[in-house]
Amino acid sequence: MASLPTPRPGNRWLLQITIRAARAEESRWREQLAVLRPVSAYDSATQTRSIFVGSFDVASVQTLQTLCDAARSFGTDIQLQPAPVPAVWSGPSFAGDAEVAALLTADVDKGRPLGQLPTA
């Protein structure tokens, strides 16, 4: 997994969510994609879906809940990591909160289910 620099306080950053659909028989596959399509964009080069979140508002929390439900129902792989804000991004972004970004960077690939925080 590529390592991104942890945003420093004062830097703007986004939560990048990468989604890998779980393999399934045709009807389950279609059900899974029906859940994922409305909340994410498909990248044919990586064969993944993704979404960027720049604030925790009602819409982003609903999106996260949809992804949690997909992970639970279909085994969809969901990965979270902080990402620098692209120059073309016109939406909201996180500023500061370096501790949250560091947590995401350090623990993104430890195999925990989405939303499960590490124990001290």
C-alpha atoms as a PDB file:
ATOM      1  CA  MET A   1       0.000   0.000   0.000  1.00  0.00           C
ATOM      2  CA  ALA A   2       1.307   3.455  -0.884  1.00  0.00           C
ATOM      3  CA  SER A   3       2.079   5.691   2.037  1.00  0.00           C
ATOM      4  CA  LEU A   4       0.793   9.236   2.005  1.00  0.00           C
ATOM      5  CA  PRO A   5       2.299  11.995   4.092  1.00  0.00           C
ATOM      6  CA  THR A   6       0.263  12.724   7.179  1.00  0.00           C
ATOM      7  CA  PRO A   7      -1.320  16.156   6.841  1.00  0.00           C
ATOM      8  CA  ARG A   8       0.153  18.631   9.311  1.00  0.00           C
ATOM      9  CA  PRO A   9      -1.964  21.054  11.352  1.00  0.00           C
ATOM     10  CA  GLY A  10      -3.163  23.826   9.088  1.00  0.00           C
ATOM     11  CA  ASN A  11      -3.045  21.621   5.983  1.00  0.00           C
ATOM     12  CA  ARG A  12      -6.254  20.761   4.252  1.00  0.00           C
ATOM     13  CA  TRP A  13      -6.965  17.086   3.671  1.00  0.00           C
ATOM     14  CA  LEU A  14      -9.723  14.703   2.643  1.00  0.00           C
ATOM     15  CA  LEU A  15     -10.730  11.277   3.777  1.00  0.00           C
ATOM     16  CA  GLN A  16     -10.204   9.013   0.773  1.00  0.00           C
ATOM     17  CA  ILE A  17     -12.326   5.891   0.836  1.00  0.00           C
ATOM     18  CA  THR A  18     -11.295   3.099  -1.532  1.00  0.00           C
ATOM     19  CA  ILE A  19     -13.788   0.328  -2.149  1.00  0.00           C
ATOM     20  CA  ARG A  20     -13.117  -3.115  -3.596  1.00  0.00           C
ATOM     21  CA  ALA A  21     -16.255  -5.062  -4.387  1.00  0.00           C
ATOM     22  CA  ALA A  22     -16.252  -8.623  -3.067  1.00  0.00           C
ATOM     23  CA  ARG A  23     -16.399 -11.417  -5.605  1.00  0.00           C
ATOM     24  CA  ALA A  24     -19.820 -13.011  -5.716  1.00  0.00           C
ATOM     25  CA  GLU A  25     -22.160 -14.905  -7.970  1.00  0.00           C
ATOM     26  CA  GLU A  26     -23.915 -12.729 -10.563  1.00  0.00           C
ATOM     27  CA  SER A  27     -27.066 -11.736  -8.656  1.00  0.00           C
ATOM     28  CA  ARG A  28     -25.145 -10.943  -5.426  1.00  0.00           C
ATOM     29  CA  TRP A  29     -22.563  -9.013  -7.485  1.00  0.00           C
ATOM     30  CA  ARG A  30     -25.323  -6.892  -9.014  1.00  0.00           C
ATOM     31  CA  GLU A  31     -26.895  -6.298  -5.581  1.00  0.00           C
ATOM     32  CA  GLN A  32     -23.533  -5.156  -4.232  1.00  0.00           C
ATOM     33  CA  LEU A  33     -22.920  -2.804  -7.158  1.00  0.00           C
ATOM     34  CA  ALA A  34     -26.428  -1.379  -6.776  1.00  0.00           C
ATOM     35  CA  VAL A  35     -25.448  -0.365  -3.243  1.00  0.00           C
ATOM     36  CA  LEU A  36     -22.015   1.021  -4.204  1.00  0.00           C
ATOM     37  CA  ARG A  37     -22.800   2.911  -7.426  1.00  0.00           C
ATOM     38  CA  PRO A  38     -24.838   5.742  -5.866  1.00  0.00           C
ATOM     39  CA  VAL A  39     -22.118   6.570  -3.312  1.00  0.00           C
ATOM     40  CA  SER A  40     -18.878   6.092  -5.244  1.00  0.00           C
ATOM     41  CA  ALA A  41     -17.096   6.520  -8.570  1.00  0.00           C
ATOM     42  CA  TYR A  42     -15.500   3.651 -10.503  1.00  0.00           C
ATOM     43  CA  ASP A  43     -11.873   3.671 -11.647  1.00  0.00           C
ATOM     44  CA  SER A  44     -11.385   1.085 -14.395  1.00  0.00           C
ATOM     45  CA  ALA A  45      -7.575   1.296 -14.160  1.00  0.00           C
ATOM     46  CA  THR A  46      -7.538   0.021 -10.562  1.00  0.00           C
ATOM     47  CA  GLN A  47     -10.909  -1.755 -10.678  1.00  0.00           C
ATOM     48  CA  THR A  48     -11.903  -0.011  -7.480  1.00  0.00           C
ATOM     49  CA  ARG A  49     -14.539   2.481  -6.487  1.00  0.00           C
ATOM     50  CA  SER A  50     -13.762   5.561  -4.408  1.00  0.00           C
ATOM     51  CA  ILE A  51     -15.156   8.600  -2.724  1.00  0.00           C
ATOM     52  CA  PHE A  52     -13.607  11.599  -0.994  1.00  0.00           C
ATOM     53  CA  VAL A  53     -15.111  13.058   2.179  1.00  0.00           C
ATOM     54  CA  GLY A  54     -14.200  16.545   3.374  1.00  0.00           C
ATOM     55  CA  SER A  55     -16.614  16.954   6.282  1.00  0.00           C
ATOM     56  CA  PHE A  56     -18.720  14.843   8.560  1.00  0.00           C
ATOM     57  CA  ASP A  57     -22.190  16.036   7.690  1.00  0.00           C
ATOM     58  CA  VAL A  58     -25.414  14.060   7.335  1.00  0.00           C
ATOM     59  CA  ALA A  59     -24.655  13.039   3.736  1.00  0.00           C
ATOM     60  CA  SER A  60     -21.140  11.769   4.503  1.00  0.00           C
ATOM     61  CA  VAL A  61     -22.328   9.850   7.570  1.00  0.00           C
ATOM     62  CA  GLN A  62     -25.065   8.250   5.430  1.00  0.00           C
ATOM     63  CA  THR A  63     -22.415   7.307   2.857  1.00  0.00           C
ATOM     64  CA  LEU A  64     -20.222   5.766   5.558  1.00  0.00           C
ATOM     65  CA  GLN A  65     -23.233   3.823   6.865  1.00  0.00           C
ATOM     66  CA  THR A  66     -23.969   2.540   3.345  1.00  0.00           C
ATOM     67  CA  LEU A  67     -20.362   1.363   3.043  1.00  0.00           C
ATOM     68  CA  CYS A  68     -20.485  -0.315   6.475  1.00  0.00           C
ATOM     69  CA  ASP A  69     -23.662  -2.100   5.424  1.00  0.00           C
ATOM     70  CA  ALA A  70     -22.010  -3.251   2.167  1.00  0.00           C
ATOM     71  CA  ALA A  71     -18.992  -4.537   4.079  1.00  0.00           C
ATOM     72  CA  ARG A  72     -21.221  -6.445   6.472  1.00  0.00           C
ATOM     73  CA  SER A  73     -23.643  -7.779   3.827  1.00  0.00           C
ATOM     74  CA  PHE A  74     -21.308  -8.545   0.933  1.00  0.00           C
ATOM     75  CA  GLY A  75     -17.776  -8.592   2.354  1.00  0.00           C
ATOM     76  CA  THR A  76     -16.903  -5.414   0.448  1.00  0.00           C
ATOM     77  CA  ASP A  77     -13.381  -4.203   1.303  1.00  0.00           C
ATOM     78  CA  ILE A  78     -13.364  -0.591   2.522  1.00  0.00           C
ATOM     79  CA  GLN A  79     -10.095   1.293   3.142  1.00  0.00           C
ATOM     80  CA  LEU A  80      -9.731   4.758   4.650  1.00  0.00           C
ATOM     81  CA  GLN A  81      -6.747   7.054   4.367  1.00  0.00           C
ATOM     82  CA  PRO A  82      -6.059  10.779   4.493  1.00  0.00           C
ATOM     83  CA  ALA A  83      -5.284  12.412   1.167  1.00  0.00           C
ATOM     84  CA  PRO A  84      -4.081  15.878   0.209  1.00  0.00           C
ATOM     85  CA  VAL A  85      -6.800  18.070  -1.302  1.00  0.00           C
ATOM     86  CA  PRO A  86      -6.504  18.090  -5.114  1.00  0.00           C
ATOM     87  CA  ALA A  87      -6.273  21.515  -6.740  1.00  0.00           C
ATOM     88  CA  VAL A  88      -9.612  20.922  -8.514  1.00  0.00           C
ATOM     89  CA  TRP A  89     -11.497  20.091  -5.278  1.00  0.00           C
ATOM     90  CA  SER A  90     -14.163  22.721  -4.574  1.00  0.00           C
ATOM     91  CA  GLY A  91     -15.919  21.008  -1.674  1.00  0.00           C
ATOM     92  CA  PRO A  92     -15.261  21.113   2.048  1.00  0.00           C
ATOM     93  CA  SER A  93     -12.061  19.702   3.504  1.00  0.00           C
ATOM     94  CA  PHE A  94     -10.647  18.918   6.891  1.00  0.00           C
ATOM     95  CA  ALA A  95      -8.124  21.357   8.326  1.00  0.00           C
ATOM     96  CA  GLY A  96      -5.738  20.415  11.073  1.00  0.00           C
ATOM     97  CA  ASP A  97      -6.902  17.356  12.997  1.00  0.00           C
ATOM     98  CA  ALA A  98      -3.480  15.840  12.431  1.00  0.00           C
ATOM     99  CA  GLU A  99      -4.150  13.229  15.132  1.00  0.00           C
ATOM    100  CA  VAL A 100      -7.085  11.833  13.135  1.00  0.00           C
ATOM    101  CA  ALA A 101      -5.065  11.835   9.910  1.00  0.00           C
ATOM    102  CA  ALA A 102      -2.142  10.129  11.680  1.00  0.00           C
ATOM    103  CA  LEU A 103      -4.478   7.465  13.073  1.00  0.00           C
ATOM    104  CA  LEU A 104      -5.842   6.748   9.601  1.00  0.00           C
ATOM    105  CA  THR A 105      -2.370   6.630   8.086  1.00  0.00           C
ATOM    106  CA  ALA A 106      -0.924   4.358  10.766  1.00  0.00           C
ATOM    107  CA  ASP A 107      -3.800   1.918  10.968  1.00  0.00           C
ATOM    108  CA  VAL A 108      -5.371   1.805   7.520  1.00  0.00           C
ATOM    109  CA  ASP A 109      -3.968  -1.613   6.570  1.00  0.00           C
ATOM    110  CA  LYS A 110      -4.198  -3.559   9.813  1.00  0.00           C
ATOM    111  CA  GLY A 111      -7.279  -5.504   8.722  1.00  0.00           C
ATOM    112  CA  ARG A 112      -9.753  -3.937  11.113  1.00  0.00           C
ATOM    113  CA  PRO A 113     -13.375  -3.613  10.026  1.00  0.00           C
ATOM    114  CA  LEU A 114     -14.472  -0.121   8.910  1.00  0.00           C
ATOM    115  CA  GLY A 115     -15.119   2.064  11.927  1.00  0.00           C
ATOM    116  CA  GLN A 116     -13.255  -0.070  14.447  1.00  0.00           C
ATOM    117  CA  LEU A 117     -10.670   2.053  16.212  1.00  0.00           C
ATOM    118  CA  PRO A 118      -7.455   0.589  17.596  1.00  0.00           C
ATOM    119  CA  THR A 119      -7.170  -0.142  21.285  1.00  0.00           C
ATOM    120  CA  ALA A 120      -4.431   1.538  23.245  1.00  0.00           C
END
